[in-house]
């Protein structure tokens, strides 16, 4: 009888996380052309393990957007990340360009978009 009571009590305790608990859920991308080649990306997701996950999501969106517009490169300007109620959000700004821009935070849009597909991160 005590064993049954202990089992019932154990069932009420915190559940052990399973693999599905750590699979990110991508909630969408919003793009906004700010001026010429300057683009803002607002992304949202749940189950991110760190700010890097949501930053990667924004970068994937920027890479695909550059390709859609016929450009081959993007340069990261800034990303602001926040989390509230289990939803991670990033507000990122990139410039897009047909040739490799100056700066250290540049991305080759085609290479990055392919890496995003391989990693299962959606794009625009």
PDB file of N, CA and C in Angstrom:
ATOM      1  N   UNK A   1       0.811  -1.185   0.000  1.00  0.00           N
ATOM      2  CA  UNK A   1       0.000   0.000   0.000  1.00  0.00           C
ATOM      3  C   UNK A   1       0.866   1.264   0.000  1.00  0.00           C
ATOM      4  N   UNK A   2       1.923   1.275   0.794  1.00  0.00           N
ATOM      5  CA  UNK A   2       2.799   2.439   0.855  1.00  0.00           C
ATOM      6  C   UNK A   2       3.481   2.638  -0.497  1.00  0.00           C
ATOM      7  N   UNK A   3       3.855   1.546  -1.161  1.00  0.00           N
ATOM      8  CA  UNK A   3       4.492   1.634  -2.482  1.00  0.00           C
ATOM      9  C   UNK A   3       3.584   2.309  -3.488  1.00  0.00           C
ATOM     10  N   UNK A   4       2.292   1.973  -3.464  1.00  0.00           N
ATOM     11  CA  UNK A   4       1.336   2.585  -4.385  1.00  0.00           C
ATOM     12  C   UNK A   4       1.212   4.082  -4.098  1.00  0.00           C
ATOM     13  N   UNK A   5       1.170   4.436  -2.831  1.00  0.00           N
ATOM     14  CA  UNK A   5       1.063   5.842  -2.449  1.00  0.00           C
ATOM     15  C   UNK A   5       2.303   6.616  -2.900  1.00  0.00           C
ATOM     16  N   UNK A   6       3.482   6.011  -2.766  1.00  0.00           N
ATOM     17  CA  UNK A   6       4.710   6.668  -3.204  1.00  0.00           C
ATOM     18  C   UNK A   6       4.729   6.843  -4.716  1.00  0.00           C
ATOM     19  N   UNK A   7       4.265   5.841  -5.438  1.00  0.00           N
ATOM     20  CA  UNK A   7       4.197   5.957  -6.900  1.00  0.00           C
ATOM     21  C   UNK A   7       3.239   7.064  -7.312  1.00  0.00           C
ATOM     22  N   UNK A   8       2.113   7.140  -6.658  1.00  0.00           N
ATOM     23  CA  UNK A   8       1.141   8.179  -6.967  1.00  0.00           C
ATOM     24  C   UNK A   8       1.714   9.557  -6.657  1.00  0.00           C
ATOM     25  N   UNK A   9       2.421   9.675  -5.568  1.00  0.00           N
ATOM     26  CA  UNK A   9       3.041  10.933  -5.176  1.00  0.00           C
ATOM     27  C   UNK A   9       4.145  11.313  -6.159  1.00  0.00           C
ATOM     28  N   UNK A  10       4.917  10.340  -6.606  1.00  0.00           N
ATOM     29  CA  UNK A  10       5.991  10.606  -7.561  1.00  0.00           C
ATOM     30  C   UNK A  10       5.427  11.107  -8.883  1.00  0.00           C
ATOM     31  N   UNK A  11       4.264  10.619  -9.265  1.00  0.00           N
ATOM     32  CA  UNK A  11       3.645  11.040 -10.516  1.00  0.00           C
ATOM     33  C   UNK A  11       3.246  12.512 -10.473  1.00  0.00           C
ATOM     34  N   UNK A  12       3.069  13.061  -9.288  1.00  0.00           N
ATOM     35  CA  UNK A  12       2.673  14.462  -9.151  1.00  0.00           C
ATOM     36  C   UNK A  12       3.871  15.405  -9.198  1.00  0.00           C
ATOM     37  N   UNK A  13       5.071  14.869  -9.065  1.00  0.00           N
ATOM     38  CA  UNK A  13       6.279  15.690  -9.045  1.00  0.00           C
ATOM     39  C   UNK A  13       6.622  16.215 -10.424  1.00  0.00           C
ATOM     40  N   UNK A  14       7.686  16.981 -10.499  1.00  0.00           N
ATOM     41  CA  UNK A  14       8.095  17.543 -11.782  1.00  0.00           C
ATOM     42  C   UNK A  14       8.453  16.433 -12.771  1.00  0.00           C
ATOM     43  N   UNK A  15       8.064  16.643 -14.010  1.00  0.00           N
ATOM     44  CA  UNK A  15       8.334  15.661 -15.043  1.00  0.00           C
ATOM     45  C   UNK A  15       9.767  15.812 -15.545  1.00  0.00           C
ATOM     46  N   UNK A  16      10.375  14.706 -15.893  1.00  0.00           N
ATOM     47  CA  UNK A  16      11.709  14.720 -16.463  1.00  0.00           C
ATOM     48  C   UNK A  16      11.586  15.218 -17.900  1.00  0.00           C
ATOM     49  N   UNK A  17      12.396  16.212 -18.295  1.00  0.00           N
ATOM     50  CA  UNK A  17      12.316  16.719 -19.660  1.00  0.00           C
ATOM     51  C   UNK A  17      12.656  15.621 -20.669  1.00  0.00           C
ATOM     52  N   UNK A  18      11.980  15.664 -21.789  1.00  0.00           N
ATOM     53  CA  UNK A  18      12.247  14.722 -22.879  1.00  0.00           C
ATOM     54  C   UNK A  18      12.787  15.516 -24.062  1.00  0.00           C
ATOM     55  N   UNK A  19      13.302  14.820 -25.066  1.00  0.00           N
ATOM     56  CA  UNK A  19      13.940  15.470 -26.212  1.00  0.00           C
ATOM     57  C   UNK A  19      13.035  16.515 -26.868  1.00  0.00           C
ATOM     58  N   UNK A  20      11.739  16.232 -26.969  1.00  0.00           N
ATOM     59  CA  UNK A  20      10.819  17.166 -27.613  1.00  0.00           C
ATOM     60  C   UNK A  20      10.752  18.507 -26.891  1.00  0.00           C
ATOM     61  N   UNK A  21      11.087  18.522 -25.615  1.00  0.00           N
ATOM     62  CA  UNK A  21      11.061  19.764 -24.852  1.00  0.00           C
ATOM     63  C   UNK A  21      12.120  20.752 -25.327  1.00  0.00           C
ATOM     64  N   UNK A  22      13.125  20.252 -26.051  1.00  0.00           N
ATOM     65  CA  UNK A  22      14.243  21.096 -26.473  1.00  0.00           C
ATOM     66  C   UNK A  22      14.271  21.348 -27.975  1.00  0.00           C
ATOM     67  N   UNK A  23      13.234  20.948 -28.684  1.00  0.00           N
ATOM     68  CA  UNK A  23      13.157  21.203 -30.116  1.00  0.00           C
ATOM     69  C   UNK A  23      12.544  22.582 -30.301  1.00  0.00           C
ATOM     70  N   UNK A  24      13.311  23.523 -30.885  1.00  0.00           N
ATOM     71  CA  UNK A  24      12.800  24.885 -31.047  1.00  0.00           C
ATOM     72  C   UNK A  24      11.533  24.927 -31.896  1.00  0.00           C
ATOM     73  N   UNK A  25      10.661  25.844 -31.534  1.00  0.00           N
ATOM     74  CA  UNK A  25       9.454  26.103 -32.320  1.00  0.00           C
ATOM     75  C   UNK A  25       9.579  27.519 -32.871  1.00  0.00           C
ATOM     76  N   UNK A  26       9.684  27.603 -34.178  1.00  0.00           N
ATOM     77  CA  UNK A  26       9.860  28.885 -34.846  1.00  0.00           C
ATOM     78  C   UNK A  26       8.489  29.494 -35.119  1.00  0.00           C
ATOM     79  N   UNK A  27       8.288  30.704 -34.624  1.00  0.00           N
ATOM     80  CA  UNK A  27       6.970  31.342 -34.658  1.00  0.00           C
ATOM     81  C   UNK A  27       6.801  32.372 -35.769  1.00  0.00           C
ATOM     82  N   UNK A  28       7.817  32.578 -36.573  1.00  0.00           N
ATOM     83  CA  UNK A  28       7.655  33.467 -37.714  1.00  0.00           C
ATOM     84  C   UNK A  28       8.648  34.605 -37.781  1.00  0.00           C
ATOM     85  N   UNK A  29       8.728  35.157 -38.991  1.00  0.00           N
ATOM     86  CA  UNK A  29       9.636  36.259 -39.293  1.00  0.00           C
ATOM     87  C   UNK A  29       8.830  37.400 -39.889  1.00  0.00           C
ATOM     88  N   UNK A  30       9.125  38.582 -39.431  1.00  0.00           N
ATOM     89  CA  UNK A  30       8.537  39.791 -39.986  1.00  0.00           C
ATOM     90  C   UNK A  30       9.684  40.625 -40.533  1.00  0.00           C
ATOM     91  N   UNK A  31       9.614  41.023 -41.797  1.00  0.00           N
ATOM     92  CA  UNK A  31      10.677  41.844 -42.377  1.00  0.00           C
ATOM     93  C   UNK A  31      10.145  43.242 -42.654  1.00  0.00           C
ATOM     94  N   UNK A  32      11.050  44.201 -42.535  1.00  0.00           N
ATOM     95  CA  UNK A  32      10.675  45.589 -42.784  1.00  0.00           C
ATOM     96  C   UNK A  32      11.854  46.280 -43.463  1.00  0.00           C
ATOM     97  N   UNK A  33      11.634  46.734 -44.684  1.00  0.00           N
ATOM     98  CA  UNK A  33      12.660  47.483 -45.403  1.00  0.00           C
ATOM     99  C   UNK A  33      12.717  48.876 -44.797  1.00  0.00           C
ATOM    100  N   UNK A  34      13.850  49.216 -44.204  1.00  0.00           N
ATOM    101  CA  UNK A  34      13.979  50.503 -43.518  1.00  0.00           C
ATOM    102  C   UNK A  34      14.398  51.614 -44.477  1.00  0.00           C
ATOM    103  N   UNK A  35      15.397  51.323 -45.304  1.00  0.00           N
ATOM    104  CA  UNK A  35      15.879  52.341 -46.235  1.00  0.00           C
ATOM    105  C   UNK A  35      16.837  51.686 -47.216  1.00  0.00           C
ATOM    106  N   UNK A  36      16.471  51.620 -48.472  1.00  0.00           N
ATOM    107  CA  UNK A  36      17.348  51.073 -49.500  1.00  0.00           C
ATOM    108  C   UNK A  36      17.778  49.653 -49.228  1.00  0.00           C
ATOM    109  N   UNK A  37      18.979  49.498 -48.696  1.00  0.00           N
ATOM    110  CA  UNK A  37      19.534  48.164 -48.436  1.00  0.00           C
ATOM    111  C   UNK A  37      19.514  47.800 -46.951  1.00  0.00           C
ATOM    112  N   UNK A  38      18.848  48.585 -46.145  1.00  0.00           N
ATOM    113  CA  UNK A  38      18.778  48.379 -44.698  1.00  0.00           C
ATOM    114  C   UNK A  38      17.469  47.676 -44.348  1.00  0.00           C
ATOM    115  N   UNK A  39      17.567  46.488 -43.729  1.00  0.00           N
ATOM    116  CA  UNK A  39      16.382  45.674 -43.474  1.00  0.00           C
ATOM    117  C   UNK A  39      16.340  45.244 -42.009  1.00  0.00           C
ATOM    118  N   UNK A  40      15.140  45.318 -41.428  1.00  0.00           N
ATOM    119  CA  UNK A  40      14.921  44.884 -40.048  1.00  0.00           C
ATOM    120  C   UNK A  40      14.181  43.546 -40.077  1.00  0.00           C
ATOM    121  N   UNK A  41      14.621  42.618 -39.231  1.00  0.00           N
ATOM    122  CA  UNK A  41      13.996  41.305 -39.112  1.00  0.00           C
ATOM    123  C   UNK A  41      13.543  41.116 -37.675  1.00  0.00           C
ATOM    124  N   UNK A  42      12.265  40.854 -37.481  1.00  0.00           N
ATOM    125  CA  UNK A  42      11.726  40.534 -36.163  1.00  0.00           C
ATOM    126  C   UNK A  42      11.341  39.069 -36.197  1.00  0.00           C
ATOM    127  N   UNK A  43      11.965  38.279 -35.336  1.00  0.00           N
ATOM    128  CA  UNK A  43      11.681  36.850 -35.288  1.00  0.00           C
ATOM    129  C   UNK A  43      11.219  36.470 -33.890  1.00  0.00           C
ATOM    130  N   UNK A  44      10.462  35.383 -33.812  1.00  0.00           N
ATOM    131  CA  UNK A  44       9.984  34.885 -32.518  1.00  0.00           C
ATOM    132  C   UNK A  44      10.082  33.376 -32.513  1.00  0.00           C
ATOM    133  N   UNK A  45      10.408  32.823 -31.358  1.00  0.00           N
ATOM    134  CA  UNK A  45      10.496  31.372 -31.219  1.00  0.00           C
ATOM    135  C   UNK A  45      10.323  30.983 -29.754  1.00  0.00           C
ATOM    136  N   UNK A  46      10.023  29.718 -29.536  1.00  0.00           N
ATOM    137  CA  UNK A  46       9.987  29.166 -28.187  1.00  0.00           C
ATOM    138  C   UNK A  46      10.986  28.022 -28.126  1.00  0.00           C
ATOM    139  N   UNK A  47      11.283  27.599 -26.925  1.00  0.00           N
ATOM    140  CA  UNK A  47      12.194  26.485 -26.654  1.00  0.00           C
ATOM    141  C   UNK A  47      13.619  26.743 -27.131  1.00  0.00           C
ATOM    142  N   UNK A  48      14.016  27.999 -27.199  1.00  0.00           N
ATOM    143  CA  UNK A  48      15.408  28.327 -27.497  1.00  0.00           C
ATOM    144  C   UNK A  48      16.247  27.954 -26.283  1.00  0.00           C
ATOM    145  N   UNK A  49      17.430  27.471 -26.522  1.00  0.00           N
ATOM    146  CA  UNK A  49      18.315  27.121 -25.412  1.00  0.00           C
ATOM    147  C   UNK A  49      19.161  28.311 -24.975  1.00  0.00           C
ATOM    148  N   UNK A  50      19.340  29.275 -25.884  1.00  0.00           N
ATOM    149  CA  UNK A  50      20.129  30.460 -25.552  1.00  0.00           C
ATOM    150  C   UNK A  50      19.782  31.582 -26.527  1.00  0.00           C
ATOM    151  N   UNK A  51      20.354  32.749 -26.283  1.00  0.00           N
ATOM    152  CA  UNK A  51      20.140  33.867 -27.202  1.00  0.00           C
ATOM    153  C   UNK A  51      20.693  33.548 -28.583  1.00  0.00           C
ATOM    154  N   UNK A  52      21.711  32.689 -28.646  1.00  0.00           N
ATOM    155  CA  UNK A  52      22.312  32.340 -29.935  1.00  0.00           C
ATOM    156  C   UNK A  52      21.291  31.694 -30.870  1.00  0.00           C
ATOM    157  N   UNK A  53      20.379  30.896 -30.331  1.00  0.00           N
ATOM    158  CA  UNK A  53      19.363  30.242 -31.166  1.00  0.00           C
ATOM    159  C   UNK A  53      18.495  31.268 -31.891  1.00  0.00           C
ATOM    160  N   UNK A  54      18.068  32.288 -31.188  1.00  0.00           N
ATOM    161  CA  UNK A  54      17.194  33.290 -31.798  1.00  0.00           C
ATOM    162  C   UNK A  54      17.994  34.217 -32.723  1.00  0.00           C
ATOM    163  N   UNK A  55      19.254  34.459 -32.395  1.00  0.00           N
ATOM    164  CA  UNK A  55      20.114  35.238 -33.286  1.00  0.00           C
ATOM    165  C   UNK A  55      20.352  34.480 -34.588  1.00  0.00           C
ATOM    166  N   UNK A  56      20.545  33.173 -34.504  1.00  0.00           N
ATOM    167  CA  UNK A  56      20.722  32.349 -35.702  1.00  0.00           C
ATOM    168  C   UNK A  56      19.475  32.382 -36.576  1.00  0.00           C
ATOM    169  N   UNK A  57      18.314  32.354 -35.958  1.00  0.00           N
ATOM    170  CA  UNK A  57      17.049  32.413 -36.686  1.00  0.00           C
ATOM    171  C   UNK A  57      16.969  33.720 -37.487  1.00  0.00           C
ATOM    172  N   UNK A  58      17.339  34.831 -36.865  1.00  0.00           N
ATOM    173  CA  UNK A  58      17.326  36.123 -37.552  1.00  0.00           C
ATOM    174  C   UNK A  58      18.337  36.139 -38.700  1.00  0.00           C
ATOM    175  N   UNK A  59      19.503  35.556 -38.481  1.00  0.00           N
ATOM    176  CA  UNK A  59      20.516  35.509 -39.531  1.00  0.00           C
ATOM    177  C   UNK A  59      20.040  34.683 -40.727  1.00  0.00           C
ATOM    178  N   UNK A  60      19.350  33.589 -40.463  1.00  0.00           N
ATOM    179  CA  UNK A  60      18.808  32.763 -41.543  1.00  0.00           C
ATOM    180  C   UNK A  60      17.771  33.550 -42.338  1.00  0.00           C
ATOM    181  N   UNK A  61      16.956  34.316 -41.650  1.00  0.00           N
ATOM    182  CA  UNK A  61      15.968  35.149 -42.334  1.00  0.00           C
ATOM    183  C   UNK A  61      16.665  36.187 -43.211  1.00  0.00           C
ATOM    184  N   UNK A  62      17.725  36.787 -42.702  1.00  0.00           N
ATOM    185  CA  UNK A  62      18.457  37.802 -43.462  1.00  0.00           C
ATOM    186  C   UNK A  62      19.101  37.192 -44.706  1.00  0.00           C
ATOM    187  N   UNK A  63      19.657  36.016 -44.573  1.00  0.00           N
ATOM    188  CA  UNK A  63      20.306  35.356 -45.715  1.00  0.00           C
ATOM    189  C   UNK A  63      19.291  35.073 -46.814  1.00  0.00           C
ATOM    190  N   UNK A  64      18.160  34.504 -46.462  1.00  0.00           N
ATOM    191  CA  UNK A  64      17.147  34.183 -47.468  1.00  0.00           C
ATOM    192  C   UNK A  64      16.560  35.447 -48.088  1.00  0.00           C
ATOM    193  N   UNK A  65      16.350  36.468 -47.281  1.00  0.00           N
ATOM    194  CA  UNK A  65      15.815  37.725 -47.789  1.00  0.00           C
ATOM    195  C   UNK A  65      16.766  38.330 -48.824  1.00  0.00           C
ATOM    196  N   UNK A  66      18.066  38.310 -48.528  1.00  0.00           N
ATOM    197  CA  UNK A  66      19.053  38.831 -49.478  1.00  0.00           C
ATOM    198  C   UNK A  66      18.956  38.084 -50.804  1.00  0.00           C
ATOM    199  N   UNK A  67      18.839  36.767 -50.744  1.00  0.00           N
ATOM    200  CA  UNK A  67      18.724  35.970 -51.973  1.00  0.00           C
ATOM    201  C   UNK A  67      17.450  36.301 -52.739  1.00  0.00           C
ATOM    202  N   UNK A  68      16.345  36.445 -52.031  1.00  0.00           N
ATOM    203  CA  UNK A  68      15.067  36.781 -52.674  1.00  0.00           C
ATOM    204  C   UNK A  68      15.177  38.112 -53.424  1.00  0.00           C
ATOM    205  N   UNK A  69      15.907  39.046 -52.846  1.00  0.00           N
ATOM    206  CA  UNK A  69      16.059  40.372 -53.461  1.00  0.00           C
ATOM    207  C   UNK A  69      17.146  40.390 -54.544  1.00  0.00           C
ATOM    208  N   UNK A  70      17.788  39.238 -54.777  1.00  0.00           N
ATOM    209  CA  UNK A  70      18.816  39.168 -55.810  1.00  0.00           C
ATOM    210  C   UNK A  70      20.197  39.594 -55.349  1.00  0.00           C
ATOM    211  N   UNK A  71      20.401  39.627 -54.032  1.00  0.00           N
ATOM    212  CA  UNK A  71      21.697  39.994 -53.474  1.00  0.00           C
ATOM    213  C   UNK A  71      22.418  38.753 -52.958  1.00  0.00           C
ATOM    214  N   UNK A  72      23.733  38.836 -52.874  1.00  0.00           N
ATOM    215  CA  UNK A  72      24.510  37.682 -52.435  1.00  0.00           C
ATOM    216  C   UNK A  72      25.065  37.781 -51.031  1.00  0.00           C
ATOM    217  N   UNK A  73      24.953  38.966 -50.419  1.00  0.00           N
ATOM    218  CA  UNK A  73      25.598  39.157 -49.124  1.00  0.00           C
ATOM    219  C   UNK A  73      24.737  39.991 -48.183  1.00  0.00           C
ATOM    220  N   UNK A  74      25.049  39.871 -46.922  1.00  0.00           N
ATOM    221  CA  UNK A  74      24.412  40.687 -45.895  1.00  0.00           C
ATOM    222  C   UNK A  74      25.457  41.020 -44.835  1.00  0.00           C
ATOM    223  N   UNK A  75      25.248  42.125 -44.168  1.00  0.00           N
ATOM    224  CA  UNK A  75      26.145  42.511 -43.069  1.00  0.00           C
ATOM    225  C   UNK A  75      25.299  42.795 -41.847  1.00  0.00           C
ATOM    226  N   UNK A  76      25.663  42.147 -40.764  1.00  0.00           N
ATOM    227  CA  UNK A  76      24.946  42.301 -39.494  1.00  0.00           C
ATOM    228  C   UNK A  76      25.295  43.642 -38.873  1.00  0.00           C
ATOM    229  N   UNK A  77      24.264  44.388 -38.470  1.00  0.00           N
ATOM    230  CA  UNK A  77      24.490  45.662 -37.789  1.00  0.00           C
ATOM    231  C   UNK A  77      24.208  45.566 -36.301  1.00  0.00           C
ATOM    232  N   UNK A  78      23.058  44.958 -35.949  1.00  0.00           N
ATOM    233  CA  UNK A  78      22.737  44.800 -34.524  1.00  0.00           C
ATOM    234  C   UNK A  78      21.613  43.803 -34.351  1.00  0.00           C
ATOM    235  N   UNK A  79      21.575  43.192 -33.174  1.00  0.00           N
ATOM    236  CA  UNK A  79      20.471  42.316 -32.800  1.00  0.00           C
ATOM    237  C   UNK A  79      20.164  42.544 -31.332  1.00  0.00           C
ATOM    238  N   UNK A  80      18.892  42.794 -31.043  1.00  0.00           N
ATOM    239  CA  UNK A  80      18.413  42.897 -29.667  1.00  0.00           C
ATOM    240  C   UNK A  80      17.548  41.671 -29.402  1.00  0.00           C
ATOM    241  N   UNK A  81      17.856  40.950 -28.330  1.00  0.00           N
ATOM    242  CA  UNK A  81      17.118  39.732 -27.991  1.00  0.00           C
ATOM    243  C   UNK A  81      16.406  39.942 -26.662  1.00  0.00           C
ATOM    244  N   UNK A  82      15.167  39.454 -26.598  1.00  0.00           N
ATOM    245  CA  UNK A  82      14.413  39.512 -25.349  1.00  0.00           C
ATOM    246  C   UNK A  82      13.644  38.211 -25.178  1.00  0.00           C
ATOM    247  N   UNK A  83      13.252  37.956 -23.942  1.00  0.00           N
ATOM    248  CA  UNK A  83      12.447  36.772 -23.645  1.00  0.00           C
ATOM    249  C   UNK A  83      11.373  37.175 -22.648  1.00  0.00           C
ATOM    250  N   UNK A  84      10.134  36.768 -22.958  1.00  0.00           N
ATOM    251  CA  UNK A  84       9.029  37.040 -22.043  1.00  0.00           C
ATOM    252  C   UNK A  84       7.993  35.943 -22.215  1.00  0.00           C
ATOM    253  N   UNK A  85       7.595  35.354 -21.112  1.00  0.00           N
ATOM    254  CA  UNK A  85       6.571  34.320 -21.140  1.00  0.00           C
ATOM    255  C   UNK A  85       6.943  33.121 -21.984  1.00  0.00           C
ATOM    256  N   UNK A  86       8.222  32.795 -22.033  1.00  0.00           N
ATOM    257  CA  UNK A  86       8.670  31.635 -22.800  1.00  0.00           C
ATOM    258  C   UNK A  86       8.868  31.902 -24.285  1.00  0.00           C
ATOM    259  N   UNK A  87       8.581  33.121 -24.722  1.00  0.00           N
ATOM    260  CA  UNK A  87       8.775  33.469 -26.130  1.00  0.00           C
ATOM    261  C   UNK A  87      10.030  34.329 -26.258  1.00  0.00           C
ATOM    262  N   UNK A  88      10.948  33.842 -27.077  1.00  0.00           N
ATOM    263  CA  UNK A  88      12.173  34.577 -27.378  1.00  0.00           C
ATOM    264  C   UNK A  88      11.926  35.412 -28.624  1.00  0.00           C
ATOM    265  N   UNK A  89      12.394  36.662 -28.613  1.00  0.00           N
ATOM    266  CA  UNK A  89      12.250  37.542 -29.767  1.00  0.00           C
ATOM    267  C   UNK A  89      13.597  38.189 -30.084  1.00  0.00           C
ATOM    268  N   UNK A  90      13.819  38.391 -31.364  1.00  0.00           N
ATOM    269  CA  UNK A  90      15.004  39.133 -31.797  1.00  0.00           C
ATOM    270  C   UNK A  90      14.567  40.203 -32.775  1.00  0.00           C
ATOM    271  N   UNK A  91      15.147  41.358 -32.616  1.00  0.00           N
ATOM    272  CA  UNK A  91      14.971  42.488 -33.525  1.00  0.00           C
ATOM    273  C   UNK A  91      16.369  42.720 -34.096  1.00  0.00           C
ATOM    274  N   UNK A  92      16.565  42.312 -35.353  1.00  0.00           N
ATOM    275  CA  UNK A  92      17.889  42.377 -35.976  1.00  0.00           C
ATOM    276  C   UNK A  92      17.859  43.282 -37.191  1.00  0.00           C
ATOM    277  N   UNK A  93      18.957  43.977 -37.415  1.00  0.00           N
ATOM    278  CA  UNK A  93      19.077  44.840 -38.586  1.00  0.00           C
ATOM    279  C   UNK A  93      20.317  44.427 -39.368  1.00  0.00           C
ATOM    280  N   UNK A  94      20.116  44.272 -40.671  1.00  0.00           N
ATOM    281  CA  UNK A  94      21.184  43.894 -41.599  1.00  0.00           C
ATOM    282  C   UNK A  94      21.143  44.823 -42.797  1.00  0.00           C
ATOM    283  N   UNK A  95      22.281  44.979 -43.454  1.00  0.00           N
ATOM    284  CA  UNK A  95      22.295  45.575 -44.783  1.00  0.00           C
ATOM    285  C   UNK A  95      22.453  44.416 -45.756  1.00  0.00           C
ATOM    286  N   UNK A  96      21.867  44.553 -46.924  1.00  0.00           N
ATOM    287  CA  UNK A  96      22.028  43.534 -47.955  1.00  0.00           C
ATOM    288  C   UNK A  96      22.741  44.191 -49.130  1.00  0.00           C
ATOM    289  N   UNK A  97      23.559  43.410 -49.836  1.00  0.00           N
ATOM    290  CA  UNK A  97      24.314  43.982 -50.945  1.00  0.00           C
ATOM    291  C   UNK A  97      24.678  42.915 -51.971  1.00  0.00           C
ATOM    292  N   UNK A  98      24.914  43.347 -53.215  1.00  0.00           N
ATOM    293  CA  UNK A  98      25.274  42.399 -54.260  1.00  0.00           C
ATOM    294  C   UNK A  98      26.716  41.904 -54.157  1.00  0.00           C
ATOM    295  N   UNK A  99      27.573  42.688 -53.516  1.00  0.00           N
ATOM    296  CA  UNK A  99      28.974  42.286 -53.354  1.00  0.00           C
ATOM    297  C   UNK A  99      29.327  42.271 -51.870  1.00  0.00           C
ATOM    298  N   UNK A 100      30.438  41.645 -51.559  1.00  0.00           N
ATOM    299  CA  UNK A 100      30.865  41.516 -50.167  1.00  0.00           C
ATOM    300  C   UNK A 100      31.053  42.902 -49.547  1.00  0.00           C
ATOM    301  N   UNK A 101      30.245  43.211 -48.525  1.00  0.00           N
ATOM    302  CA  UNK A 101      30.358  44.537 -47.896  1.00  0.00           C
ATOM    303  C   UNK A 101      31.559  44.611 -46.963  1.00  0.00           C
ATOM    304  N   UNK A 102      31.911  45.826 -46.612  1.00  0.00           N
ATOM    305  CA  UNK A 102      32.980  46.029 -45.630  1.00  0.00           C
ATOM    306  C   UNK A 102      32.459  45.625 -44.260  1.00  0.00           C
ATOM    307  N   UNK A 103      33.357  45.273 -43.395  1.00  0.00           N
ATOM    308  CA  UNK A 103      32.969  44.935 -42.029  1.00  0.00           C
ATOM    309  C   UNK A 103      33.326  43.503 -41.691  1.00  0.00           C
ATOM    310  N   UNK A 104      33.235  43.191 -40.406  1.00  0.00           N
ATOM    311  CA  UNK A 104      33.630  41.856 -39.958  1.00  0.00           C
ATOM    312  C   UNK A 104      32.454  40.904 -39.785  1.00  0.00           C
ATOM    313  N   UNK A 105      31.245  41.406 -39.712  1.00  0.00           N
ATOM    314  CA  UNK A 105      30.081  40.549 -39.495  1.00  0.00           C
ATOM    315  C   UNK A 105      29.290  40.372 -40.783  1.00  0.00           C
ATOM    316  N   UNK A 106      29.969  39.910 -41.831  1.00  0.00           N
ATOM    317  CA  UNK A 106      29.316  39.707 -43.116  1.00  0.00           C
ATOM    318  C   UNK A 106      28.948  38.246 -43.289  1.00  0.00           C
ATOM    319  N   UNK A 107      27.923  38.004 -44.091  1.00  0.00           N
ATOM    320  CA  UNK A 107      27.528  36.636 -44.392  1.00  0.00           C
ATOM    321  C   UNK A 107      27.344  36.473 -45.894  1.00  0.00           C
ATOM    322  N   UNK A 108      27.745  35.322 -46.380  1.00  0.00           N
ATOM    323  CA  UNK A 108      27.479  34.922 -47.755  1.00  0.00           C
ATOM    324  C   UNK A 108      26.073  34.332 -47.720  1.00  0.00           C
ATOM    325  N   UNK A 109      25.134  35.002 -48.349  1.00  0.00           N
ATOM    326  CA  UNK A 109      23.722  34.630 -48.227  1.00  0.00           C
ATOM    327  C   UNK A 109      23.447  33.199 -48.693  1.00  0.00           C
ATOM    328  N   UNK A 110      24.039  32.794 -49.797  1.00  0.00           N
ATOM    329  CA  UNK A 110      23.772  31.453 -50.321  1.00  0.00           C
ATOM    330  C   UNK A 110      24.299  30.368 -49.384  1.00  0.00           C
ATOM    331  N   UNK A 111      25.507  30.533 -48.914  1.00  0.00           N
ATOM    332  CA  UNK A 111      26.112  29.553 -47.999  1.00  0.00           C
ATOM    333  C   UNK A 111      25.321  29.497 -46.698  1.00  0.00           C
ATOM    334  N   UNK A 112      24.984  30.659 -46.153  1.00  0.00           N
ATOM    335  CA  UNK A 112      24.250  30.708 -44.887  1.00  0.00           C
ATOM    336  C   UNK A 112      22.863  30.099 -45.028  1.00  0.00           C
ATOM    337  N   UNK A 113      22.169  30.397 -46.110  1.00  0.00           N
ATOM    338  CA  UNK A 113      20.821  29.835 -46.313  1.00  0.00           C
ATOM    339  C   UNK A 113      20.881  28.306 -46.389  1.00  0.00           C
ATOM    340  N   UNK A 114      21.880  27.772 -47.060  1.00  0.00           N
ATOM    341  CA  UNK A 114      22.031  26.304 -47.139  1.00  0.00           C
ATOM    342  C   UNK A 114      22.315  25.709 -45.761  1.00  0.00           C
ATOM    343  N   UNK A 115      23.163  26.367 -44.983  1.00  0.00           N
ATOM    344  CA  UNK A 115      23.456  25.895 -43.626  1.00  0.00           C
ATOM    345  C   UNK A 115      22.199  25.908 -42.763  1.00  0.00           C
ATOM    346  N   UNK A 116      21.349  26.908 -42.960  1.00  0.00           N
ATOM    347  CA  UNK A 116      20.112  26.995 -42.200  1.00  0.00           C
ATOM    348  C   UNK A 116      19.193  25.831 -42.520  1.00  0.00           C
ATOM    349  N   UNK A 117      19.101  25.487 -43.785  1.00  0.00           N
ATOM    350  CA  UNK A 117      18.284  24.338 -44.194  1.00  0.00           C
ATOM    351  C   UNK A 117      18.814  23.071 -43.541  1.00  0.00           C
ATOM    352  N   UNK A 118      20.137  22.888 -43.587  1.00  0.00           N
ATOM    353  CA  UNK A 118      20.755  21.700 -42.977  1.00  0.00           C
ATOM    354  C   UNK A 118      20.506  21.628 -41.482  1.00  0.00           C
ATOM    355  N   UNK A 119      20.432  22.767 -40.821  1.00  0.00           N
ATOM    356  CA  UNK A 119      20.221  22.822 -39.369  1.00  0.00           C
ATOM    357  C   UNK A 119      18.742  22.824 -38.997  1.00  0.00           C
ATOM    358  N   UNK A 120      17.862  22.890 -40.014  1.00  0.00           N
ATOM    359  CA  UNK A 120      16.425  22.880 -39.743  1.00  0.00           C
ATOM    360  C   UNK A 120      15.870  24.206 -39.287  1.00  0.00           C
ATOM    361  N   UNK A 121      16.583  25.286 -39.557  1.00  0.00           N
ATOM    362  CA  UNK A 121      16.128  26.618 -39.170  1.00  0.00           C
ATOM    363  C   UNK A 121      15.395  27.222 -40.363  1.00  0.00           C
ATOM    364  N   UNK A 122      14.146  27.599 -40.213  1.00  0.00           N
ATOM    365  CA  UNK A 122      13.406  28.173 -41.334  1.00  0.00           C
ATOM    366  C   UNK A 122      13.925  29.564 -41.694  1.00  0.00           C
ATOM    367  N   UNK A 123      13.628  29.970 -42.922  1.00  0.00           N
ATOM    368  CA  UNK A 123      14.015  31.295 -43.380  1.00  0.00           C
ATOM    369  C   UNK A 123      12.746  32.082 -43.677  1.00  0.00           C
ATOM    370  N   UNK A 124      12.862  33.154 -44.434  1.00  0.00           N
ATOM    371  CA  UNK A 124      11.712  34.019 -44.736  1.00  0.00           C
ATOM    372  C   UNK A 124      10.612  33.208 -45.400  1.00  0.00           C
TER     373      UNK A 124
END
